[in-house]
Amino acid sequence: MLGGVVTTWINGNVRYGPSTDYAINYPVSAGFTSYGLCWKTGGWVNANGVAHDKWVKLSDNEWIWGGLLNGDETGGVSNYC
C-alpha cells in the first residue's frame, strides 16, 4: 500500500516531528488507528525490543515512530515522504 490505516500495538506518543527531540503532541494507547500518509527516516529509537529510525507521517501532519505500529517498520506504509 502507499499510504493507509496504521494501528499501534503498544502505548506511545505522537510528536510534532520525526524524532524524540520533537515535543509530544498527544499520547496514544495500543489499538489507536490513524491514516499514515508516508514515512521517512528520522531520530533513532530503541524501545520495546525494537530499534530503528523509521517515522510515519499521520493524516493530522504529526509523526509516530514506526516501532509502535503493527506490521513492518513503517506500519505497512510504503511511500517515502
Protein backbone atom coordinates (compact mmCIF):
# COMPACT_ATOMS: atom_id res chain seq x y z
CA MET A 1 0.00 0.00 0.00
CA LEU A 2 1.16 3.55 -0.48
CA GLY A 3 -0.50 5.26 2.47
CA GLY A 4 -3.06 3.55 4.62
CA VAL A 5 -4.52 2.82 8.01
CA VAL A 6 -1.93 2.19 10.73
CA THR A 7 -2.57 0.76 14.20
CA THR A 8 -0.41 0.84 17.32
CA TRP A 9 0.40 -2.41 19.14
CA ILE A 10 1.57 -0.60 22.30
CA ASN A 11 1.14 2.77 24.03
CA GLY A 12 3.28 5.61 22.69
CA ASN A 13 3.45 9.24 21.66
CA VAL A 14 2.64 11.21 18.54
CA ARG A 15 5.15 14.02 18.00
CA TYR A 16 5.44 17.27 16.08
CA GLY A 17 8.35 15.89 14.03
CA PRO A 18 10.14 12.63 13.19
CA SER A 19 12.33 12.34 16.29
CA THR A 20 12.08 12.15 20.06
CA ASP A 21 13.74 15.59 20.00
CA TYR A 22 10.33 16.98 18.98
CA ALA A 23 7.70 17.67 21.63
CA ILE A 24 4.88 15.23 22.23
CA ASN A 25 1.62 16.35 20.62
CA TYR A 26 -0.55 13.63 22.18
CA PRO A 27 -0.21 10.15 23.70
CA VAL A 28 -1.85 7.11 22.13
CA SER A 29 -2.88 3.73 23.52
CA ALA A 30 -2.46 0.30 22.00
CA GLY A 31 -5.10 -0.10 19.29
CA PHE A 32 -5.01 3.57 18.21
CA THR A 33 -5.68 3.85 14.47
CA SER A 34 -4.95 6.67 12.06
CA TYR A 35 -4.09 7.14 8.39
CA GLY A 36 -0.39 7.03 7.56
CA LEU A 37 0.47 9.31 4.64
CA CYS A 38 4.13 8.43 4.14
CA TRP A 39 7.32 7.61 6.06
CA LYS A 40 10.86 8.94 6.38
CA THR A 41 14.00 8.32 8.37
CA GLY A 42 14.37 10.42 11.49
CA GLY A 43 15.63 10.03 15.01
CA TRP A 44 16.81 6.58 16.10
CA VAL A 45 14.67 4.92 18.79
CA ASN A 46 15.41 1.73 20.72
CA ALA A 47 12.37 0.67 22.77
CA ASN A 48 10.24 -2.40 23.50
CA GLY A 49 12.74 -4.70 21.79
CA VAL A 50 12.61 -2.71 18.54
CA ALA A 51 15.31 -0.37 17.20
CA HIS A 52 15.22 1.72 14.01
CA ASP A 53 14.76 5.26 12.63
CA LYS A 54 11.56 4.99 10.54
CA TRP A 55 8.79 7.52 11.29
CA VAL A 56 5.30 7.71 9.79
CA LYS A 57 3.54 10.98 9.00
CA LEU A 58 -0.11 10.77 10.04
CA SER A 59 -3.10 12.43 8.39
CA ASP A 60 -3.02 15.21 11.03
CA ASN A 61 0.56 16.02 9.85
CA GLU A 62 2.09 14.71 13.08
CA TRP A 63 4.62 11.87 13.39
CA ILE A 64 4.72 8.46 15.06
CA TRP A 65 7.71 6.14 15.37
CA GLY A 66 7.13 3.04 13.24
CA GLY A 67 8.17 0.76 16.10
CA LEU A 68 4.84 1.47 17.74
CA LEU A 69 2.87 0.23 14.73
CA ASN A 70 1.63 -3.23 13.76
CA GLY A 71 3.37 -4.76 10.76
CA ASP A 72 6.75 -3.73 9.44
CA GLU A 73 8.94 -0.76 10.43
CA THR A 74 6.53 1.67 8.74
CA GLY A 75 3.25 0.01 9.68
CA GLY A 76 2.80 -1.04 6.05
CA VAL A 77 3.06 2.48 4.61
CA SER A 78 5.33 2.14 1.56
CA ASN A 79 5.63 5.66 0.13
CA TYR A 80 8.54 7.82 1.26
CA CYS A 81 7.83 11.44 2.25
